[in-house]
N, C-alpha and C. Protein backbone atom coordinates (compact mmCIF):
# COMPACT_ATOMS: atom_id res chain seq x y z
N UNK A 1 -173.09 127.38 286.85
CA UNK A 1 -172.47 126.11 287.16
C UNK A 1 -173.58 125.10 287.43
N UNK A 2 -173.67 124.05 286.63
CA UNK A 2 -174.71 123.04 286.82
C UNK A 2 -174.14 121.87 287.59
N UNK A 3 -174.51 121.76 288.86
CA UNK A 3 -174.04 120.64 289.65
C UNK A 3 -175.18 119.85 290.27
N UNK A 4 -176.40 120.35 290.15
CA UNK A 4 -177.51 119.72 290.86
C UNK A 4 -177.69 118.24 290.56
N UNK A 5 -177.77 117.77 289.29
CA UNK A 5 -178.01 116.34 289.07
C UNK A 5 -176.90 115.46 289.64
N UNK A 6 -175.65 115.80 289.39
CA UNK A 6 -174.55 115.00 289.91
C UNK A 6 -174.44 115.13 291.41
N UNK A 7 -174.66 116.33 291.93
CA UNK A 7 -174.55 116.55 293.37
C UNK A 7 -175.59 115.76 294.13
N UNK A 8 -176.79 115.65 293.57
CA UNK A 8 -177.82 114.85 294.22
C UNK A 8 -177.37 113.39 294.28
N UNK A 9 -176.73 112.90 293.23
CA UNK A 9 -176.19 111.55 293.23
C UNK A 9 -175.12 111.41 294.30
N UNK A 10 -174.26 112.41 294.43
CA UNK A 10 -173.17 112.35 295.40
C UNK A 10 -173.71 112.20 296.82
N UNK A 11 -174.71 113.01 297.15
CA UNK A 11 -175.26 112.93 298.50
C UNK A 11 -176.05 111.65 298.70
N UNK A 12 -176.61 111.10 297.64
CA UNK A 12 -177.35 109.84 297.81
C UNK A 12 -176.41 108.68 298.04
N UNK A 13 -175.15 108.82 297.64
CA UNK A 13 -174.18 107.75 297.84
C UNK A 13 -174.05 107.43 299.33
N UNK A 14 -174.05 108.45 300.17
CA UNK A 14 -173.92 108.21 301.61
C UNK A 14 -175.24 108.35 302.36
N UNK A 15 -176.33 108.45 301.66
CA UNK A 15 -177.61 108.62 302.34
C UNK A 15 -178.08 107.34 303.02
N UNK A 16 -177.53 106.21 302.61
CA UNK A 16 -177.91 104.95 303.23
C UNK A 16 -176.66 104.22 303.66
N UNK A 17 -176.76 103.51 304.75
CA UNK A 17 -175.63 102.75 305.28
C UNK A 17 -175.67 102.79 306.78
N UNK A 18 -174.95 101.92 307.38
CA UNK A 18 -174.94 101.87 308.83
C UNK A 18 -173.56 101.49 309.31
N UNK A 19 -173.12 102.15 310.34
CA UNK A 19 -171.84 101.81 310.95
C UNK A 19 -171.99 100.48 311.66
N UNK A 20 -171.01 99.63 311.50
CA UNK A 20 -171.03 98.37 312.21
C UNK A 20 -170.22 98.52 313.48
N UNK A 21 -170.50 97.70 314.45
CA UNK A 21 -169.86 97.82 315.76
C UNK A 21 -168.37 97.59 315.68
N UNK A 22 -167.92 96.78 314.73
CA UNK A 22 -166.49 96.45 314.68
C UNK A 22 -165.78 97.12 313.51
N UNK A 23 -166.33 98.21 313.01
CA UNK A 23 -165.72 98.97 311.93
C UNK A 23 -165.46 98.12 310.69
N UNK A 24 -166.31 97.17 310.43
CA UNK A 24 -166.15 96.35 309.23
C UNK A 24 -167.05 96.89 308.14
N UNK A 25 -166.73 96.63 306.88
CA UNK A 25 -167.62 97.06 305.81
C UNK A 25 -168.88 96.21 305.81
N UNK A 26 -169.97 96.82 305.37
CA UNK A 26 -171.21 96.07 305.23
C UNK A 26 -171.19 95.33 303.90
N UNK A 27 -171.67 94.12 303.91
CA UNK A 27 -171.83 93.35 302.70
C UNK A 27 -172.90 94.01 301.84
N UNK A 28 -172.71 94.04 300.56
CA UNK A 28 -173.67 94.69 299.66
C UNK A 28 -175.07 94.07 299.78
N UNK A 29 -175.17 92.84 300.22
CA UNK A 29 -176.47 92.19 300.31
C UNK A 29 -177.20 92.54 301.61
N UNK A 30 -176.48 93.08 302.60
CA UNK A 30 -177.11 93.41 303.88
C UNK A 30 -178.07 94.58 303.73
N UNK A 31 -179.08 94.60 304.62
CA UNK A 31 -180.03 95.71 304.65
C UNK A 31 -179.28 96.99 305.02
N UNK A 32 -179.59 98.08 304.36
CA UNK A 32 -178.89 99.33 304.58
C UNK A 32 -179.81 100.36 305.24
N UNK A 33 -179.78 100.47 306.58
CA UNK A 33 -180.59 101.50 307.23
C UNK A 33 -180.01 102.89 306.95
N UNK A 34 -180.70 103.92 307.40
CA UNK A 34 -180.27 105.29 307.15
C UNK A 34 -178.89 105.56 307.71
N UNK A 35 -178.12 106.37 306.99
CA UNK A 35 -176.80 106.78 307.46
C UNK A 35 -176.95 107.54 308.78
N UNK A 36 -175.96 107.45 309.68
CA UNK A 36 -176.07 108.09 310.99
C UNK A 36 -176.39 109.59 310.95
N UNK A 37 -175.84 110.33 309.99
CA UNK A 37 -176.08 111.77 309.97
C UNK A 37 -177.52 112.12 309.62
N UNK A 38 -178.27 111.14 309.08
CA UNK A 38 -179.68 111.37 308.75
C UNK A 38 -180.61 111.14 309.95
N UNK A 39 -180.12 110.51 310.98
CA UNK A 39 -180.97 110.17 312.12
C UNK A 39 -181.29 111.40 312.96
N UNK A 40 -182.47 111.39 313.57
CA UNK A 40 -182.88 112.49 314.44
C UNK A 40 -181.88 112.63 315.58
N UNK A 41 -181.50 113.85 315.87
CA UNK A 41 -180.57 114.11 316.96
C UNK A 41 -179.11 113.85 316.62
N UNK A 42 -178.81 113.57 315.35
CA UNK A 42 -177.41 113.35 314.97
C UNK A 42 -176.61 114.62 315.24
N UNK A 43 -175.38 114.48 315.73
CA UNK A 43 -174.60 115.66 316.08
C UNK A 43 -174.17 116.47 314.87
N UNK A 44 -173.75 117.70 315.13
CA UNK A 44 -173.24 118.59 314.09
C UNK A 44 -171.86 119.09 314.50
N UNK A 45 -171.08 119.52 313.51
CA UNK A 45 -169.87 120.26 313.81
C UNK A 45 -170.32 121.66 314.23
N UNK A 46 -169.57 122.30 315.08
CA UNK A 46 -169.96 123.60 315.59
C UNK A 46 -169.51 124.72 314.64
N UNK A 47 -169.92 124.58 313.37
CA UNK A 47 -169.61 125.61 312.38
C UNK A 47 -170.55 125.46 311.20
N UNK A 48 -170.75 126.56 310.49
CA UNK A 48 -171.54 126.54 309.27
C UNK A 48 -170.62 126.22 308.10
N UNK A 49 -171.20 125.97 306.94
CA UNK A 49 -170.39 125.65 305.77
C UNK A 49 -169.56 126.86 305.34
N UNK A 50 -170.06 128.06 305.51
CA UNK A 50 -169.29 129.26 305.16
C UNK A 50 -168.08 129.39 306.08
N UNK A 51 -168.25 129.14 307.37
CA UNK A 51 -167.13 129.20 308.31
C UNK A 51 -166.10 128.13 307.99
N UNK A 52 -166.57 126.91 307.70
CA UNK A 52 -165.66 125.83 307.34
C UNK A 52 -164.86 126.19 306.10
N UNK A 53 -165.55 126.63 305.06
CA UNK A 53 -164.89 126.93 303.79
C UNK A 53 -163.84 128.01 303.94
N UNK A 54 -164.15 129.06 304.71
CA UNK A 54 -163.18 130.14 304.92
C UNK A 54 -161.92 129.61 305.61
N UNK A 55 -162.08 128.81 306.66
CA UNK A 55 -160.92 128.27 307.39
C UNK A 55 -160.18 127.23 306.55
N UNK A 56 -160.93 126.38 305.84
CA UNK A 56 -160.31 125.36 305.00
C UNK A 56 -159.48 126.01 303.90
N UNK A 57 -160.05 126.99 303.20
CA UNK A 57 -159.34 127.64 302.09
C UNK A 57 -158.10 128.39 302.58
N UNK A 58 -158.16 128.98 303.77
CA UNK A 58 -156.98 129.66 304.33
C UNK A 58 -155.86 128.67 304.60
N UNK A 59 -156.23 127.45 305.03
CA UNK A 59 -155.24 126.43 305.35
C UNK A 59 -154.78 125.65 304.11
N UNK A 60 -155.56 125.70 303.03
CA UNK A 60 -155.27 124.88 301.84
C UNK A 60 -155.39 125.71 300.56
N UNK A 61 -154.55 126.74 300.39
CA UNK A 61 -154.70 127.59 299.20
C UNK A 61 -154.49 126.85 297.87
N UNK A 62 -153.74 125.75 297.88
CA UNK A 62 -153.51 125.00 296.64
C UNK A 62 -154.65 124.03 296.32
N UNK A 63 -155.55 123.82 297.29
CA UNK A 63 -156.68 122.89 297.10
C UNK A 63 -157.97 123.58 297.54
N UNK A 64 -158.34 124.66 296.85
CA UNK A 64 -159.49 125.46 297.32
C UNK A 64 -160.84 124.80 297.05
N UNK A 65 -161.81 125.20 297.87
CA UNK A 65 -163.20 124.81 297.66
C UNK A 65 -164.00 126.04 297.26
N UNK A 66 -164.73 125.94 296.17
CA UNK A 66 -165.60 127.03 295.73
C UNK A 66 -166.82 127.08 296.64
N UNK A 67 -167.63 128.11 296.44
CA UNK A 67 -168.84 128.26 297.23
C UNK A 67 -169.75 127.04 297.06
N UNK A 68 -170.33 126.58 298.17
CA UNK A 68 -171.29 125.49 298.13
C UNK A 68 -172.63 126.05 297.68
N UNK A 69 -173.31 125.30 296.82
CA UNK A 69 -174.63 125.71 296.33
C UNK A 69 -175.66 124.69 296.77
N UNK A 70 -176.81 125.19 297.20
CA UNK A 70 -177.88 124.31 297.66
C UNK A 70 -178.35 123.41 296.52
N UNK A 71 -178.72 122.19 296.88
CA UNK A 71 -179.22 121.21 295.92
C UNK A 71 -180.73 121.12 296.12
N UNK A 72 -181.45 121.22 295.03
CA UNK A 72 -182.90 121.09 295.10
C UNK A 72 -183.24 119.63 295.37
N UNK A 73 -183.80 119.37 296.54
CA UNK A 73 -184.14 117.99 296.91
C UNK A 73 -185.57 117.94 297.43
N UNK A 74 -186.51 118.13 296.54
CA UNK A 74 -187.93 118.17 296.90
C UNK A 74 -188.42 116.87 297.51
N UNK A 75 -187.82 115.76 297.12
CA UNK A 75 -188.26 114.47 297.64
C UNK A 75 -187.60 114.12 298.97
N UNK A 76 -186.68 114.95 299.44
CA UNK A 76 -185.94 114.67 300.66
C UNK A 76 -186.80 114.99 301.88
N UNK A 77 -186.99 113.99 302.72
CA UNK A 77 -187.78 114.18 303.93
C UNK A 77 -186.90 114.21 305.17
N UNK A 78 -185.60 114.35 305.00
CA UNK A 78 -184.67 114.29 306.14
C UNK A 78 -184.58 115.61 306.89
N UNK A 79 -185.18 116.68 306.38
CA UNK A 79 -185.13 117.98 307.02
C UNK A 79 -183.70 118.52 307.10
N UNK A 80 -182.89 118.19 306.09
CA UNK A 80 -181.53 118.69 306.00
C UNK A 80 -181.42 119.57 304.76
N UNK A 81 -180.50 120.52 304.80
CA UNK A 81 -180.17 121.30 303.62
C UNK A 81 -178.93 120.66 303.02
N UNK A 82 -178.99 120.31 301.75
CA UNK A 82 -177.86 119.68 301.07
C UNK A 82 -177.23 120.69 300.12
N UNK A 83 -175.91 120.66 300.05
CA UNK A 83 -175.20 121.60 299.19
C UNK A 83 -173.96 120.91 298.63
N UNK A 84 -173.49 121.42 297.49
CA UNK A 84 -172.31 120.85 296.85
C UNK A 84 -171.46 121.94 296.24
N UNK A 85 -170.18 121.63 296.07
CA UNK A 85 -169.22 122.52 295.46
C UNK A 85 -168.45 121.73 294.42
N UNK A 86 -168.48 122.19 293.18
CA UNK A 86 -167.78 121.51 292.10
C UNK A 86 -166.30 121.92 292.14
N UNK A 87 -165.43 120.92 292.25
CA UNK A 87 -163.99 121.17 292.21
C UNK A 87 -163.51 121.10 290.77
N UNK A 88 -163.90 120.04 290.06
CA UNK A 88 -163.67 119.93 288.62
C UNK A 88 -164.69 118.94 288.07
N UNK A 89 -164.51 118.50 286.84
CA UNK A 89 -165.53 117.65 286.19
C UNK A 89 -165.77 116.32 286.89
N UNK A 90 -164.81 115.83 287.64
CA UNK A 90 -165.00 114.53 288.28
C UNK A 90 -164.72 114.54 289.78
N UNK A 91 -164.73 115.72 290.39
CA UNK A 91 -164.44 115.84 291.82
C UNK A 91 -165.36 116.89 292.43
N UNK A 92 -166.07 116.48 293.48
CA UNK A 92 -167.04 117.36 294.13
C UNK A 92 -166.90 117.29 295.64
N UNK A 93 -167.22 118.39 296.29
CA UNK A 93 -167.36 118.41 297.74
C UNK A 93 -168.85 118.59 298.01
N UNK A 94 -169.36 117.94 299.03
CA UNK A 94 -170.77 118.08 299.37
C UNK A 94 -170.95 118.05 300.88
N UNK A 95 -172.13 118.46 301.30
CA UNK A 95 -172.42 118.54 302.73
C UNK A 95 -173.91 118.39 302.96
N UNK A 96 -174.26 118.07 304.19
CA UNK A 96 -175.64 118.10 304.66
C UNK A 96 -175.63 118.98 305.90
N UNK A 97 -176.54 119.95 305.93
CA UNK A 97 -176.57 120.94 307.00
C UNK A 97 -177.85 120.82 307.81
N UNK A 98 -177.73 121.06 309.09
CA UNK A 98 -178.89 121.04 309.97
C UNK A 98 -179.82 122.18 309.58
N UNK A 99 -181.08 121.85 309.37
CA UNK A 99 -182.07 122.86 308.99
C UNK A 99 -182.23 123.86 310.12
N UNK A 100 -182.21 125.12 309.80
CA UNK A 100 -182.39 126.16 310.80
C UNK A 100 -181.07 126.76 311.27
N UNK A 101 -180.14 125.93 311.74
CA UNK A 101 -178.86 126.45 312.23
C UNK A 101 -177.81 126.53 311.13
N UNK A 102 -177.93 125.67 310.12
CA UNK A 102 -176.93 125.62 309.06
C UNK A 102 -175.64 124.94 309.47
N UNK A 103 -175.62 124.29 310.64
CA UNK A 103 -174.41 123.61 311.08
C UNK A 103 -174.22 122.31 310.31
N UNK A 104 -172.96 121.92 310.16
CA UNK A 104 -172.56 120.80 309.31
C UNK A 104 -172.80 119.45 310.00
N UNK A 105 -173.48 118.55 309.29
CA UNK A 105 -173.68 117.18 309.78
C UNK A 105 -172.70 116.20 309.13
N UNK A 106 -172.29 116.48 307.91
CA UNK A 106 -171.33 115.63 307.20
C UNK A 106 -170.61 116.48 306.16
N UNK A 107 -169.35 116.17 305.93
CA UNK A 107 -168.56 116.78 304.86
C UNK A 107 -168.04 115.65 303.99
N UNK A 108 -168.21 115.77 302.69
CA UNK A 108 -167.88 114.68 301.78
C UNK A 108 -167.09 115.18 300.57
N UNK A 109 -166.15 114.35 300.15
CA UNK A 109 -165.43 114.57 298.89
C UNK A 109 -165.72 113.35 298.04
N UNK A 110 -166.23 113.56 296.83
CA UNK A 110 -166.56 112.44 295.94
C UNK A 110 -165.79 112.57 294.64
N UNK A 111 -165.15 111.46 294.28
CA UNK A 111 -164.43 111.36 293.01
C UNK A 111 -165.22 110.44 292.09
N UNK A 112 -165.54 110.95 290.91
CA UNK A 112 -166.22 110.16 289.88
C UNK A 112 -165.18 109.70 288.88
N UNK A 113 -164.77 108.43 288.93
CA UNK A 113 -163.71 107.97 288.03
C UNK A 113 -164.15 108.01 286.57
N UNK A 114 -163.31 108.62 285.76
CA UNK A 114 -163.56 108.69 284.32
C UNK A 114 -162.37 108.02 283.65
N UNK A 115 -162.56 106.81 283.12
CA UNK A 115 -161.43 106.09 282.51
C UNK A 115 -160.77 106.91 281.41
N UNK A 116 -159.46 106.78 281.34
CA UNK A 116 -158.71 107.48 280.31
C UNK A 116 -157.31 107.78 280.79
N UNK A 117 -156.55 108.50 279.98
CA UNK A 117 -155.15 108.75 280.32
C UNK A 117 -154.97 109.63 281.55
N UNK A 118 -155.98 110.41 281.93
CA UNK A 118 -155.85 111.31 283.08
C UNK A 118 -156.42 110.71 284.36
N UNK A 119 -156.83 109.44 284.33
CA UNK A 119 -157.48 108.85 285.50
C UNK A 119 -156.57 108.83 286.73
N UNK A 120 -155.30 108.46 286.56
CA UNK A 120 -154.39 108.39 287.71
C UNK A 120 -154.17 109.77 288.32
N UNK A 121 -153.98 110.79 287.49
CA UNK A 121 -153.78 112.15 287.99
C UNK A 121 -155.04 112.64 288.71
N UNK A 122 -156.20 112.30 288.15
CA UNK A 122 -157.46 112.70 288.79
C UNK A 122 -157.63 112.02 290.13
N UNK A 123 -157.23 110.75 290.22
CA UNK A 123 -157.33 110.03 291.49
C UNK A 123 -156.38 110.64 292.52
N UNK A 124 -155.19 111.01 292.11
CA UNK A 124 -154.24 111.63 293.04
C UNK A 124 -154.75 112.97 293.55
N UNK A 125 -155.41 113.73 292.68
CA UNK A 125 -155.99 115.00 293.10
C UNK A 125 -157.11 114.76 294.11
N UNK A 126 -157.94 113.73 293.86
CA UNK A 126 -159.01 113.39 294.80
C UNK A 126 -158.43 113.02 296.16
N UNK A 127 -157.38 112.23 296.16
CA UNK A 127 -156.74 111.83 297.42
C UNK A 127 -156.16 113.06 298.13
N UNK A 128 -155.59 113.99 297.37
CA UNK A 128 -155.05 115.22 297.97
C UNK A 128 -156.15 116.01 298.66
N UNK A 129 -157.32 116.14 298.03
CA UNK A 129 -158.45 116.84 298.65
C UNK A 129 -158.95 116.10 299.89
N UNK A 130 -159.04 114.78 299.81
CA UNK A 130 -159.49 113.99 300.95
C UNK A 130 -158.51 114.14 302.12
N UNK A 131 -157.21 114.12 301.82
CA UNK A 131 -156.20 114.28 302.86
C UNK A 131 -156.27 115.67 303.48
N UNK A 132 -156.53 116.69 302.67
CA UNK A 132 -156.66 118.05 303.19
C UNK A 132 -157.86 118.16 304.12
N UNK A 133 -158.97 117.50 303.75
CA UNK A 133 -160.15 117.49 304.61
C UNK A 133 -159.83 116.78 305.93
N UNK A 134 -159.13 115.67 305.86
CA UNK A 134 -158.73 114.94 307.06
C UNK A 134 -157.84 115.82 307.95
N UNK A 135 -156.87 116.49 307.35
CA UNK A 135 -155.96 117.35 308.13
C UNK A 135 -156.68 118.54 308.76
N UNK A 136 -157.77 119.00 308.15
CA UNK A 136 -158.53 120.09 308.73
C UNK A 136 -159.03 119.69 310.12
N UNK A 137 -159.44 118.43 310.27
CA UNK A 137 -159.97 117.95 311.54
C UNK A 137 -158.91 117.24 312.39
N UNK A 138 -157.79 116.89 311.80
CA UNK A 138 -156.67 116.26 312.52
C UNK A 138 -155.40 117.03 312.18
N UNK A 139 -155.29 118.29 312.67
CA UNK A 139 -154.19 119.16 312.24
C UNK A 139 -152.80 118.72 312.69
N UNK A 140 -152.71 117.75 313.59
CA UNK A 140 -151.38 117.29 314.00
C UNK A 140 -150.75 116.36 312.96
N UNK A 141 -151.55 115.89 312.00
CA UNK A 141 -151.01 115.02 310.94
C UNK A 141 -150.24 115.86 309.93
N UNK A 142 -149.12 115.34 309.49
CA UNK A 142 -148.38 115.99 308.40
C UNK A 142 -149.12 115.68 307.10
N UNK A 143 -148.84 116.41 306.01
CA UNK A 143 -149.48 116.07 304.73
C UNK A 143 -149.23 114.62 304.32
N UNK A 144 -148.00 114.13 304.56
CA UNK A 144 -147.68 112.76 304.20
C UNK A 144 -148.47 111.77 305.04
N UNK A 145 -148.58 112.03 306.34
CA UNK A 145 -149.34 111.14 307.23
C UNK A 145 -150.82 111.13 306.85
N UNK A 146 -151.35 112.30 306.50
CA UNK A 146 -152.76 112.39 306.10
C UNK A 146 -153.00 111.60 304.81
N UNK A 147 -152.09 111.70 303.85
CA UNK A 147 -152.21 110.95 302.60
C UNK A 147 -152.14 109.45 302.87
N UNK A 148 -151.23 109.03 303.74
CA UNK A 148 -151.13 107.61 304.09
C UNK A 148 -152.41 107.13 304.77
N UNK A 149 -152.96 107.95 305.64
CA UNK A 149 -154.18 107.59 306.36
C UNK A 149 -155.36 107.45 305.40
N UNK A 150 -155.48 108.40 304.47
CA UNK A 150 -156.56 108.32 303.47
C UNK A 150 -156.39 107.08 302.60
N UNK A 151 -155.18 106.84 302.15
CA UNK A 151 -154.91 105.67 301.31
C UNK A 151 -155.31 104.39 302.03
N UNK A 152 -154.99 104.31 303.33
CA UNK A 152 -155.35 103.13 304.12
C UNK A 152 -156.87 103.01 304.27
N UNK A 153 -157.55 104.12 304.58
CA UNK A 153 -159.00 104.10 304.71
C UNK A 153 -159.67 103.68 303.40
N UNK A 154 -159.19 104.22 302.28
CA UNK A 154 -159.77 103.87 300.98
C UNK A 154 -159.54 102.39 300.67
N UNK A 155 -158.38 101.86 301.04
CA UNK A 155 -158.09 100.44 300.82
C UNK A 155 -159.02 99.58 301.69
N UNK A 156 -159.25 100.00 302.94
CA UNK A 156 -160.13 99.25 303.82
C UNK A 156 -161.58 99.28 303.32
N UNK A 157 -161.98 100.37 302.71
CA UNK A 157 -163.35 100.51 302.23
C UNK A 157 -163.55 100.09 300.79
N UNK A 158 -162.49 99.63 300.13
CA UNK A 158 -162.58 99.28 298.71
C UNK A 158 -163.66 98.23 298.48
N UNK A 159 -164.58 98.53 297.56
CA UNK A 159 -165.65 97.61 297.21
C UNK A 159 -166.83 97.61 298.18
N UNK A 160 -166.76 98.44 299.23
CA UNK A 160 -167.85 98.49 300.22
C UNK A 160 -168.73 99.70 299.97
N UNK A 161 -170.03 99.49 300.03
CA UNK A 161 -170.93 100.64 299.88
C UNK A 161 -170.85 101.55 301.08
N UNK A 162 -170.42 101.02 302.22
CA UNK A 162 -170.35 101.85 303.42
C UNK A 162 -169.37 101.23 304.40
N UNK A 163 -168.23 101.87 304.58
CA UNK A 163 -167.22 101.45 305.55
C UNK A 163 -167.01 102.61 306.50
N UNK A 164 -166.96 102.34 307.79
CA UNK A 164 -166.78 103.41 308.76
C UNK A 164 -165.72 103.05 309.79
N UNK A 165 -165.05 104.07 310.25
CA UNK A 165 -164.06 103.92 311.31
C UNK A 165 -164.16 105.16 312.19
N UNK A 166 -164.15 104.97 313.49
CA UNK A 166 -164.23 106.11 314.40
C UNK A 166 -162.89 106.38 315.05
N UNK A 167 -162.68 107.66 315.33
CA UNK A 167 -161.47 108.09 316.03
C UNK A 167 -161.86 109.29 316.89
N UNK A 168 -161.91 109.07 318.19
CA UNK A 168 -162.33 110.14 319.07
C UNK A 168 -163.74 110.57 318.75
N UNK A 169 -163.91 111.86 318.48
CA UNK A 169 -165.24 112.42 318.20
C UNK A 169 -165.55 112.46 316.71
N UNK A 170 -164.76 111.75 315.88
CA UNK A 170 -164.95 111.77 314.44
C UNK A 170 -165.28 110.39 313.88
N UNK A 171 -166.11 110.38 312.85
CA UNK A 171 -166.40 109.17 312.10
C UNK A 171 -165.87 109.40 310.69
N UNK A 172 -165.03 108.49 310.22
CA UNK A 172 -164.55 108.53 308.84
C UNK A 172 -165.34 107.49 308.05
N UNK A 173 -165.86 107.89 306.90
CA UNK A 173 -166.70 107.01 306.10
C UNK A 173 -166.14 106.93 304.69
N UNK A 174 -166.12 105.72 304.15
CA UNK A 174 -165.76 105.49 302.75
C UNK A 174 -166.93 104.77 302.11
N UNK A 175 -167.41 105.29 300.99
CA UNK A 175 -168.46 104.64 300.20
C UNK A 175 -167.91 104.43 298.80
N UNK A 176 -167.67 103.17 298.45
CA UNK A 176 -167.12 102.84 297.14
C UNK A 176 -168.23 102.27 296.28
N UNK A 177 -168.70 103.06 295.35
CA UNK A 177 -169.77 102.65 294.44
C UNK A 177 -169.23 102.43 293.04
N UNK A 178 -167.99 101.99 292.95
CA UNK A 178 -167.38 101.65 291.67
C UNK A 178 -167.40 102.80 290.69
N UNK A 179 -167.97 102.58 289.51
CA UNK A 179 -168.00 103.60 288.47
C UNK A 179 -168.88 104.79 288.82
N UNK A 180 -169.77 104.63 289.82
CA UNK A 180 -170.65 105.73 290.23
C UNK A 180 -169.95 106.69 291.18
N UNK A 181 -168.80 106.31 291.69
CA UNK A 181 -168.06 107.25 292.52
C UNK A 181 -167.52 106.67 293.80
N UNK A 182 -166.52 107.34 294.32
CA UNK A 182 -165.87 106.99 295.57
C UNK A 182 -165.97 108.20 296.48
N UNK A 183 -166.56 108.03 297.66
CA UNK A 183 -166.77 109.15 298.57
C UNK A 183 -166.04 108.91 299.88
N UNK A 184 -165.39 109.96 300.36
CA UNK A 184 -164.81 109.99 301.70
C UNK A 184 -165.56 111.06 302.46
N UNK A 185 -166.00 110.74 303.66
CA UNK A 185 -166.75 111.70 304.48
C UNK A 185 -166.20 111.74 305.89
N UNK A 186 -166.38 112.90 306.52
CA UNK A 186 -166.06 113.07 307.93
C UNK A 186 -167.32 113.58 308.61
N UNK A 187 -167.66 112.94 309.73
CA UNK A 187 -168.87 113.30 310.48
C UNK A 187 -168.55 113.33 311.96
N UNK A 188 -169.25 114.18 312.70
CA UNK A 188 -169.08 114.18 314.16
C UNK A 188 -169.88 113.04 314.78
N UNK A 189 -169.41 112.53 315.90
CA UNK A 189 -170.18 111.52 316.62
C UNK A 189 -170.42 112.00 318.05
N UNK A 190 -171.48 111.49 318.64
CA UNK A 190 -171.75 111.81 320.03
C UNK A 190 -170.85 110.94 320.90
N UNK A 191 -170.25 111.56 321.88
CA UNK A 191 -169.44 110.80 322.82
C UNK A 191 -170.27 110.56 324.08
N UNK A 192 -170.29 109.32 324.54
CA UNK A 192 -171.02 109.01 325.77
C UNK A 192 -170.15 109.41 326.95
N UNK A 193 -170.75 110.10 327.90
CA UNK A 193 -170.01 110.48 329.10
C UNK A 193 -169.96 109.30 330.05
N UNK A 194 -168.78 109.04 330.59
CA UNK A 194 -168.63 107.96 331.56
C UNK A 194 -169.28 108.38 332.88
N UNK A 195 -170.00 107.46 333.49
CA UNK A 195 -170.61 107.75 334.78
C UNK A 195 -169.82 107.06 335.87
N UNK A 196 -169.70 107.71 337.04
CA UNK A 196 -168.90 107.10 338.11
C UNK A 196 -169.52 105.83 338.66
């Protein structure tokens, strides 16, 4: 299975960008600092990609994820292990893992739009995978609620290279790079403890 060239592109889609304080999309002309998951000390989910995949596949037998394969990234100085899983010709799952522990820093689903008669069906499948990923971390949502939430997030991030919204300990990210792909990601965030 050859996924390395496309998978490297997928992970580069979210490699740059910055969350804004008011959850607004960044203008394409604005300077794009490193994505939060690339920063030193960025939090991780308390699971490895193998643990995630096993639990995700058990909960979503109709939308399975194949084994993630490491991406050769010799030029990457982020000290992360990057991996991707091909779902089909235009849909991929990818991740960045903490070096050493293998814990997840980001989980991403990327849809590469291919114009043609199957484009709408392919987009619906991408949304189904994105909704399943959302439900994995927000299990109280029904499938319909998760689909509505994804649709709303994608609409809010439409045309933005990096749109982010936080909810509790999660950051939802949409990166719309037009013909180069649409990515939805979920990342953990650090919560500040309130002091008395």
